[in-house]
Amino acid sequence: MHGELPNAQQMKKFDHGITNHTMVHEQLTQF
């Protein structure tokens, strides 16, 4: 996505951004 390998700080931020947004809208489960 960004063209370069992340440093430790960038990786921590990116990992957190992905890991903490894994849930889907509850209404989607009804779909």
PDB file of all heavy atoms in Angstrom:
ATOM      1  N   MET A   1       0.807  -1.221   0.000  1.00  0.00           N
ATOM      2  CA  MET A   1       0.000   0.000   0.000  1.00  0.00           C
ATOM      3  C   MET A   1       0.838   1.268   0.000  1.00  0.00           C
ATOM      4  O   MET A   1       0.464   2.263  -0.624  1.00  0.00           O
ATOM      5  CB  MET A   1      -0.927   0.005   1.212  1.00  0.00           C
ATOM      6  CG  MET A   1      -2.033  -1.051   1.139  1.00  0.00           C
ATOM      7  SD  MET A   1      -3.092  -1.033   2.595  1.00  0.00           S
ATOM      8  CE  MET A   1      -3.866   0.588   2.421  1.00  0.00           C
ATOM      9  N   HIS A   2       1.997   1.230   0.669  1.00  0.00           N
ATOM     10  CA  HIS A   2       2.780   2.459   0.867  1.00  0.00           C
ATOM     11  C   HIS A   2       4.106   2.495   0.113  1.00  0.00           C
ATOM     12  O   HIS A   2       4.748   3.536   0.070  1.00  0.00           O
ATOM     13  CB  HIS A   2       3.021   2.688   2.360  1.00  0.00           C
ATOM     14  CG  HIS A   2       1.766   2.879   3.151  1.00  0.00           C
ATOM     15  ND1 HIS A   2       1.043   4.049   3.143  1.00  0.00           N
ATOM     16  CD2 HIS A   2       1.087   2.027   3.965  1.00  0.00           C
ATOM     17  CE1 HIS A   2      -0.020   3.922   3.922  1.00  0.00           C
ATOM     18  NE2 HIS A   2      -0.024   2.698   4.433  1.00  0.00           N
ATOM     19  N   GLY A   3       4.523   1.386  -0.423  1.00  0.00           N
ATOM     20  CA  GLY A   3       5.728   1.373  -1.260  1.00  0.00           C
ATOM     21  C   GLY A   3       7.013   1.047  -0.546  1.00  0.00           C
ATOM     22  O   GLY A   3       8.027   0.743  -1.184  1.00  0.00           O
ATOM     23  N   GLU A   4       7.015   1.116   0.787  1.00  0.00           N
ATOM     24  CA  GLU A   4       8.209   0.822   1.574  1.00  0.00           C
ATOM     25  C   GLU A   4       7.841  -0.042   2.768  1.00  0.00           C
ATOM     26  O   GLU A   4       6.699  -0.018   3.236  1.00  0.00           O
ATOM     27  CB  GLU A   4       8.878   2.118   2.079  1.00  0.00           C
ATOM     28  CG  GLU A   4       9.359   3.064   0.976  1.00  0.00           C
ATOM     29  CD  GLU A   4      10.524   2.519   0.173  1.00  0.00           C
ATOM     30  OE1 GLU A   4      11.194   1.579   0.661  1.00  0.00           O
ATOM     31  OE2 GLU A   4      10.781   3.032  -0.933  1.00  0.00           O
ATOM     32  N   LEU A   5       8.819  -0.804   3.270  1.00  0.00           N
ATOM     33  CA  LEU A   5       8.597  -1.562   4.489  1.00  0.00           C
ATOM     34  C   LEU A   5       8.480  -0.603   5.672  1.00  0.00           C
ATOM     35  O   LEU A   5       9.182   0.407   5.723  1.00  0.00           O
ATOM     36  CB  LEU A   5       9.742  -2.547   4.735  1.00  0.00           C
ATOM     37  CG  LEU A   5       9.795  -3.767   3.797  1.00  0.00           C
ATOM     38  CD1 LEU A   5      11.120  -4.498   3.951  1.00  0.00           C
ATOM     39  CD2 LEU A   5       8.629  -4.709   4.057  1.00  0.00           C
ATOM     40  N   PRO A   6       7.609  -0.889   6.625  1.00  0.00           N
ATOM     41  CA  PRO A   6       7.414   0.036   7.741  1.00  0.00           C
ATOM     42  C   PRO A   6       8.525  -0.058   8.780  1.00  0.00           C
ATOM     43  O   PRO A   6       9.141  -1.119   8.941  1.00  0.00           O
ATOM     44  CB  PRO A   6       6.086  -0.450   8.344  1.00  0.00           C
ATOM     45  CG  PRO A   6       6.075  -1.929   8.048  1.00  0.00           C
ATOM     46  CD  PRO A   6       6.741  -2.090   6.711  1.00  0.00           C
ATOM     47  N   ASN A   7       8.784   1.044   9.483  1.00  0.00           N
ATOM     48  CA  ASN A   7       9.625   0.959  10.673  1.00  0.00           C
ATOM     49  C   ASN A   7       8.754   0.479  11.833  1.00  0.00           C
ATOM     50  O   ASN A   7       7.541   0.271  11.669  1.00  0.00           O
ATOM     51  CB  ASN A   7      10.316   2.293  10.979  1.00  0.00           C
ATOM     52  CG  ASN A   7       9.331   3.446  11.215  1.00  0.00           C
ATOM     53  OD1 ASN A   7       8.233   3.242  11.744  1.00  0.00           O
ATOM     54  ND2 ASN A   7       9.711   4.663  10.829  1.00  0.00           N
ATOM     55  N   ALA A   8       9.347   0.326  13.011  1.00  0.00           N
ATOM     56  CA  ALA A   8       8.627  -0.251  14.148  1.00  0.00           C
ATOM     57  C   ALA A   8       7.391   0.567  14.527  1.00  0.00           C
ATOM     58  O   ALA A   8       6.319   0.022  14.796  1.00  0.00           O
ATOM     59  CB  ALA A   8       9.566  -0.384  15.349  1.00  0.00           C
ATOM     60  N   GLN A   9       7.537   1.897  14.520  1.00  0.00           N
ATOM     61  CA  GLN A   9       6.429   2.771  14.894  1.00  0.00           C
ATOM     62  C   GLN A   9       5.301   2.704  13.871  1.00  0.00           C
ATOM     63  O   GLN A   9       4.119   2.625  14.227  1.00  0.00           O
ATOM     64  CB  GLN A   9       6.923   4.211  15.036  1.00  0.00           C
ATOM     65  CG  GLN A   9       5.861   5.180  15.577  1.00  0.00           C
ATOM     66  CD  GLN A   9       6.410   6.597  15.749  1.00  0.00           C
ATOM     67  OE1 GLN A   9       7.597   6.844  15.554  1.00  0.00           O
ATOM     68  NE2 GLN A   9       5.547   7.519  16.132  1.00  0.00           N
ATOM     69  N   GLN A  10       5.668   2.736  12.591  1.00  0.00           N
ATOM     70  CA  GLN A  10       4.679   2.660  11.519  1.00  0.00           C
ATOM     71  C   GLN A  10       3.936   1.324  11.558  1.00  0.00           C
ATOM     72  O   GLN A  10       2.722   1.271  11.367  1.00  0.00           O
ATOM     73  CB  GLN A  10       5.358   2.846  10.161  1.00  0.00           C
ATOM     74  CG  GLN A  10       5.862   4.261   9.906  1.00  0.00           C
ATOM     75  CD  GLN A  10       6.791   4.337   8.713  1.00  0.00           C
ATOM     76  OE1 GLN A  10       7.495   3.358   8.380  1.00  0.00           O
ATOM     77  NE2 GLN A  10       6.812   5.483   8.042  1.00  0.00           N
ATOM     78  N   MET A  11       4.690   0.257  11.828  1.00  0.00           N
ATOM     79  CA  MET A  11       4.094  -1.071  11.871  1.00  0.00           C
ATOM     80  C   MET A  11       3.108  -1.195  13.025  1.00  0.00           C
ATOM     81  O   MET A  11       2.033  -1.765  12.890  1.00  0.00           O
ATOM     82  CB  MET A  11       5.192  -2.141  11.997  1.00  0.00           C
ATOM     83  CG  MET A  11       4.678  -3.572  11.803  1.00  0.00           C
ATOM     84  SD  MET A  11       4.062  -3.840  10.133  1.00  0.00           S
ATOM     85  CE  MET A  11       2.473  -4.597  10.471  1.00  0.00           C
ATOM     86  N   LYS A  12       3.476  -0.646  14.168  1.00  0.00           N
ATOM     87  CA  LYS A  12       2.603  -0.690  15.341  1.00  0.00           C
ATOM     88  C   LYS A  12       1.282   0.034  15.064  1.00  0.00           C
ATOM     89  O   LYS A  12       0.204  -0.467  15.389  1.00  0.00           O
ATOM     90  CB  LYS A  12       3.318  -0.067  16.541  1.00  0.00           C
ATOM     91  CG  LYS A  12       2.522  -0.164  17.849  1.00  0.00           C
ATOM     92  CD  LYS A  12       3.299   0.454  19.006  1.00  0.00           C
ATOM     93  CE  LYS A  12       2.471   0.369  20.304  1.00  0.00           C
ATOM     94  NZ  LYS A  12       3.213   0.983  21.446  1.00  0.00           N
ATOM     95  N   LYS A  13       1.370   1.206  14.459  1.00  0.00           N
ATOM     96  CA  LYS A  13       0.184   1.999  14.146  1.00  0.00           C
ATOM     97  C   LYS A  13      -0.694   1.278  13.127  1.00  0.00           C
ATOM     98  O   LYS A  13      -1.915   1.213  13.268  1.00  0.00           O
ATOM     99  CB  LYS A  13       0.598   3.377  13.621  1.00  0.00           C
ATOM    100  CG  LYS A  13      -0.588   4.296  13.318  1.00  0.00           C
ATOM    101  CD  LYS A  13      -0.112   5.645  12.781  1.00  0.00           C
ATOM    102  CE  LYS A  13      -1.309   6.531  12.433  1.00  0.00           C
ATOM    103  NZ  LYS A  13      -0.857   7.823  11.840  1.00  0.00           N
ATOM    104  N   PHE A  14      -0.078   0.740  12.077  1.00  0.00           N
ATOM    105  CA  PHE A  14      -0.819   0.046  11.024  1.00  0.00           C
ATOM    106  C   PHE A  14      -1.476  -1.218  11.573  1.00  0.00           C
ATOM    107  O   PHE A  14      -2.656  -1.478  11.307  1.00  0.00           O
ATOM    108  CB  PHE A  14       0.118  -0.305   9.866  1.00  0.00           C
ATOM    109  CG  PHE A  14      -0.557  -0.966   8.704  1.00  0.00           C
ATOM    110  CD1 PHE A  14      -1.349  -0.231   7.834  1.00  0.00           C
ATOM    111  CD2 PHE A  14      -0.399  -2.324   8.464  1.00  0.00           C
ATOM    112  CE1 PHE A  14      -1.979  -0.836   6.745  1.00  0.00           C
ATOM    113  CE2 PHE A  14      -1.020  -2.938   7.390  1.00  0.00           C
ATOM    114  CZ  PHE A  14      -1.807  -2.196   6.533  1.00  0.00           C
ATOM    115  N   ASP A  15      -0.731  -1.991  12.328  1.00  0.00           N
ATOM    116  CA  ASP A  15      -1.240  -3.223  12.936  1.00  0.00           C
ATOM    117  C   ASP A  15      -2.452  -2.914  13.803  1.00  0.00           C
ATOM    118  O   ASP A  15      -3.471  -3.598  13.734  1.00  0.00           O
ATOM    119  CB  ASP A  15      -0.136  -3.884  13.765  1.00  0.00           C
ATOM    120  CG  ASP A  15      -0.523  -5.273  14.254  1.00  0.00           C
ATOM    121  OD1 ASP A  15      -1.475  -5.366  15.035  1.00  0.00           O
ATOM    122  OD2 ASP A  15       0.122  -6.258  13.879  1.00  0.00           O
ATOM    123  N   HIS A  16      -2.354  -1.853  14.604  1.00  0.00           N
ATOM    124  CA  HIS A  16      -3.457  -1.462  15.485  1.00  0.00           C
ATOM    125  C   HIS A  16      -4.676  -1.037  14.654  1.00  0.00           C
ATOM    126  O   HIS A  16      -5.812  -1.390  14.967  1.00  0.00           O
ATOM    127  CB  HIS A  16      -3.011  -0.309  16.399  1.00  0.00           C
ATOM    128  CG  HIS A  16      -4.079   0.130  17.369  1.00  0.00           C
ATOM    129  ND1 HIS A  16      -5.021   1.104  17.055  1.00  0.00           N
ATOM    130  CD2 HIS A  16      -4.361  -0.275  18.640  1.00  0.00           C
ATOM    131  CE1 HIS A  16      -5.823   1.270  18.089  1.00  0.00           C
ATOM    132  NE2 HIS A  16      -5.452   0.453  19.062  1.00  0.00           N
ATOM    133  N   GLY A  17      -4.425  -0.280  13.590  1.00  0.00           N
ATOM    134  CA  GLY A  17      -5.508   0.194  12.731  1.00  0.00           C
ATOM    135  C   GLY A  17      -6.277  -0.932  12.068  1.00  0.00           C
ATOM    136  O   GLY A  17      -7.492  -0.834  11.870  1.00  0.00           O
ATOM    137  N   ILE A  18      -5.584  -2.017  11.718  1.00  0.00           N
ATOM    138  CA  ILE A  18      -6.235  -3.172  11.099  1.00  0.00           C
ATOM    139  C   ILE A  18      -6.894  -4.046  12.168  1.00  0.00           C
ATOM    140  O   ILE A  18      -8.078  -4.376  12.090  1.00  0.00           O
ATOM    141  CB  ILE A  18      -5.225  -4.009  10.279  1.00  0.00           C
ATOM    142  CG1 ILE A  18      -4.607  -3.174   9.153  1.00  0.00           C
ATOM    143  CG2 ILE A  18      -5.903  -5.256   9.715  1.00  0.00           C
ATOM    144  CD1 ILE A  18      -5.569  -2.632   8.133  1.00  0.00           C
ATOM    145  N   THR A  19      -6.131  -4.418  13.173  1.00  0.00           N
ATOM    146  CA  THR A  19      -6.599  -5.347  14.199  1.00  0.00           C
ATOM    147  C   THR A  19      -7.834  -4.845  14.936  1.00  0.00           C
ATOM    148  O   THR A  19      -8.706  -5.630  15.311  1.00  0.00           O
ATOM    149  CB  THR A  19      -5.463  -5.632  15.210  1.00  0.00           C
ATOM    150  OG1 THR A  19      -4.327  -6.143  14.506  1.00  0.00           O
ATOM    151  CG2 THR A  19      -5.895  -6.636  16.262  1.00  0.00           C
ATOM    152  N   ASN A  20      -7.930  -3.541  15.128  1.00  0.00           N
ATOM    153  CA  ASN A  20      -9.043  -2.981  15.893  1.00  0.00           C
ATOM    154  C   ASN A  20     -10.248  -2.591  15.041  1.00  0.00           C
ATOM    155  O   ASN A  20     -11.170  -1.926  15.535  1.00  0.00           O
ATOM    156  CB  ASN A  20      -8.563  -1.776  16.701  1.00  0.00           C
ATOM    157  CG  ASN A  20      -7.738  -2.196  17.905  1.00  0.00           C
ATOM    158  OD1 ASN A  20      -8.253  -2.399  18.993  1.00  0.00           O
ATOM    159  ND2 ASN A  20      -6.440  -2.371  17.703  1.00  0.00           N
ATOM    160  N   HIS A  21     -10.243  -3.010  13.790  1.00  0.00           N
ATOM    161  CA  HIS A  21     -11.386  -2.726  12.925  1.00  0.00           C
ATOM    162  C   HIS A  21     -11.872  -3.978  12.208  1.00  0.00           C
ATOM    163  O   HIS A  21     -12.396  -3.924  11.101  1.00  0.00           O
ATOM    164  CB  HIS A  21     -11.037  -1.620  11.917  1.00  0.00           C
ATOM    165  CG  HIS A  21     -10.874  -0.273  12.553  1.00  0.00           C
ATOM    166  ND1 HIS A  21      -9.668   0.159  13.071  1.00  0.00           N
ATOM    167  CD2 HIS A  21     -11.769   0.718  12.791  1.00  0.00           C
ATOM    168  CE1 HIS A  21      -9.825   1.369  13.589  1.00  0.00           C
ATOM    169  NE2 HIS A  21     -11.090   1.738  13.430  1.00  0.00           N
ATOM    170  N   THR A  22     -11.693  -5.126  12.854  1.00  0.00           N
ATOM    171  CA  THR A  22     -12.057  -6.404  12.243  1.00  0.00           C
ATOM    172  C   THR A  22     -13.544  -6.731  12.365  1.00  0.00           C
ATOM    173  O   THR A  22     -14.057  -7.558  11.615  1.00  0.00           O
ATOM    174  CB  THR A  22     -11.241  -7.549  12.875  1.00  0.00           C
ATOM    175  OG1 THR A  22     -11.338  -7.452  14.307  1.00  0.00           O
ATOM    176  CG2 THR A  22      -9.771  -7.463  12.474  1.00  0.00           C
ATOM    177  N   MET A  23     -14.239  -6.112  13.307  1.00  0.00           N
ATOM    178  CA  MET A  23     -15.667  -6.369  13.443  1.00  0.00           C
ATOM    179  C   MET A  23     -16.441  -5.724  12.290  1.00  0.00           C
ATOM    180  O   MET A  23     -16.042  -4.682  11.770  1.00  0.00           O
ATOM    181  CB  MET A  23     -16.192  -5.848  14.782  1.00  0.00           C
ATOM    182  CG  MET A  23     -15.706  -6.649  15.984  1.00  0.00           C
ATOM    183  SD  MET A  23     -16.498  -6.196  17.517  1.00  0.00           S
ATOM    184  CE  MET A  23     -18.190  -6.661  17.244  1.00  0.00           C
ATOM    185  N   VAL A  24     -17.553  -6.347  11.929  1.00  0.00           N
ATOM    186  CA  VAL A  24     -18.419  -5.781  10.896  1.00  0.00           C
ATOM    187  C   VAL A  24     -19.673  -5.231  11.561  1.00  0.00           C
ATOM    188  O   VAL A  24     -20.008  -5.589  12.686  1.00  0.00           O
ATOM    189  CB  VAL A  24     -18.794  -6.825   9.819  1.00  0.00           C
ATOM    190  CG1 VAL A  24     -17.547  -7.275   9.070  1.00  0.00           C
ATOM    191  CG2 VAL A  24     -19.509  -8.025  10.430  1.00  0.00           C
ATOM    192  N   HIS A  25     -20.361  -4.359  10.866  1.00  0.00           N
ATOM    193  CA  HIS A  25     -21.622  -3.802  11.353  1.00  0.00           C
ATOM    194  C   HIS A  25     -22.562  -4.948  11.721  1.00  0.00           C
ATOM    195  O   HIS A  25     -22.727  -5.908  10.960  1.00  0.00           O
ATOM    196  CB  HIS A  25     -22.245  -2.930  10.256  1.00  0.00           C
ATOM    197  CG  HIS A  25     -23.312  -2.008  10.728  1.00  0.00           C
ATOM    198  ND1 HIS A  25     -24.540  -2.455  11.173  1.00  0.00           N
ATOM    199  CD2 HIS A  25     -23.336  -0.654  10.850  1.00  0.00           C
ATOM    200  CE1 HIS A  25     -25.287  -1.422  11.526  1.00  0.00           C
ATOM    201  NE2 HIS A  25     -24.574  -0.308  11.351  1.00  0.00           N
ATOM    202  N   GLU A  26     -23.156  -4.884  12.897  1.00  0.00           N
ATOM    203  CA  GLU A  26     -23.983  -5.979  13.378  1.00  0.00           C
ATOM    204  C   GLU A  26     -25.140  -6.291  12.425  1.00  0.00           C
ATOM    205  O   GLU A  26     -25.542  -7.450  12.278  1.00  0.00           O
ATOM    206  CB  GLU A  26     -24.515  -5.668  14.784  1.00  0.00           C
ATOM    207  CG  GLU A  26     -25.210  -6.829  15.471  1.00  0.00           C
ATOM    208  CD  GLU A  26     -24.306  -8.042  15.725  1.00  0.00           C
ATOM    209  OE1 GLU A  26     -23.072  -7.882  15.709  1.00  0.00           O
ATOM    210  OE2 GLU A  26     -24.843  -9.156  15.925  1.00  0.00           O
ATOM    211  N   GLN A  27     -25.662  -5.260  11.762  1.00  0.00           N
ATOM    212  CA  GLN A  27     -26.738  -5.482  10.807  1.00  0.00           C
ATOM    213  C   GLN A  27     -26.294  -6.364   9.637  1.00  0.00           C
ATOM    214  O   GLN A  27     -27.114  -7.048   9.020  1.00  0.00           O
ATOM    215  CB  GLN A  27     -27.255  -4.141  10.270  1.00  0.00           C
ATOM    216  CG  GLN A  27     -28.523  -3.671  10.911  1.00  0.00           C
ATOM    217  CD  GLN A  27     -29.114  -2.464  10.214  1.00  0.00           C
ATOM    218  OE1 GLN A  27     -28.543  -1.390  10.232  1.00  0.00           O
ATOM    219  NE2 GLN A  27     -30.265  -2.643   9.605  1.00  0.00           N
ATOM    220  N   LEU A  28     -25.003  -6.321   9.363  1.00  0.00           N
ATOM    221  CA  LEU A  28     -24.470  -7.113   8.252  1.00  0.00           C
ATOM    222  C   LEU A  28     -24.645  -8.607   8.518  1.00  0.00           C
ATOM    223  O   LEU A  28     -24.785  -9.388   7.575  1.00  0.00           O
ATOM    224  CB  LEU A  28     -22.996  -6.778   8.020  1.00  0.00           C
ATOM    225  CG  LEU A  28     -22.393  -7.211   6.673  1.00  0.00           C
ATOM    226  CD1 LEU A  28     -23.026  -6.434   5.531  1.00  0.00           C
ATOM    227  CD2 LEU A  28     -20.888  -7.001   6.649  1.00  0.00           C
ATOM    228  N   THR A  29     -24.649  -8.994   9.785  1.00  0.00           N
ATOM    229  CA  THR A  29     -24.833 -10.406  10.114  1.00  0.00           C
ATOM    230  C   THR A  29     -26.208 -10.908   9.654  1.00  0.00           C
ATOM    231  O   THR A  29     -26.378 -12.086   9.351  1.00  0.00           O
ATOM    232  CB  THR A  29     -24.665 -10.659  11.625  1.00  0.00           C
ATOM    233  OG1 THR A  29     -25.671  -9.944  12.341  1.00  0.00           O
ATOM    234  CG2 THR A  29     -23.295 -10.215  12.102  1.00  0.00           C
ATOM    235  N   GLN A  30     -27.198  -9.987   9.628  1.00  0.00           N
ATOM    236  CA  GLN A  30     -28.538 -10.358   9.168  1.00  0.00           C
ATOM    237  C   GLN A  30     -28.561 -10.597   7.657  1.00  0.00           C
ATOM    238  O   GLN A  30     -29.387 -11.341   7.143  1.00  0.00           O
ATOM    239  CB  GLN A  30     -29.541  -9.245   9.512  1.00  0.00           C
ATOM    240  CG  GLN A  30     -29.546  -8.801  10.967  1.00  0.00           C
ATOM    241  CD  GLN A  30     -29.860  -9.909  11.928  1.00  0.00           C
ATOM    242  OE1 GLN A  30     -30.767 -10.701  11.704  1.00  0.00           O
ATOM    243  NE2 GLN A  30     -29.100 -10.007  13.013  1.00  0.00           N
ATOM    244  N   PHE A  31     -27.624  -9.959   6.955  1.00  0.00           N
ATOM    245  CA  PHE A  31     -27.548 -10.057   5.507  1.00  0.00           C
ATOM    246  C   PHE A  31     -27.324 -11.505   5.059  1.00  0.00           C
ATOM    247  O   PHE A  31     -27.846 -11.947   4.039  1.00  0.00           O
ATOM    248  CB  PHE A  31     -26.410  -9.153   5.011  1.00  0.00           C
ATOM    249  CG  PHE A  31     -26.438  -8.870   3.535  1.00  0.00           C
ATOM    250  CD1 PHE A  31     -27.259  -7.890   3.013  1.00  0.00           C
ATOM    251  CD2 PHE A  31     -25.639  -9.573   2.667  1.00  0.00           C
ATOM    252  CE1 PHE A  31     -27.278  -7.630   1.653  1.00  0.00           C
ATOM    253  CE2 PHE A  31     -25.646  -9.315   1.306  1.00  0.00           C
ATOM    254  CZ  PHE A  31     -26.469  -8.346   0.793  1.00  0.00           C
TER     255      PHE A  31
END
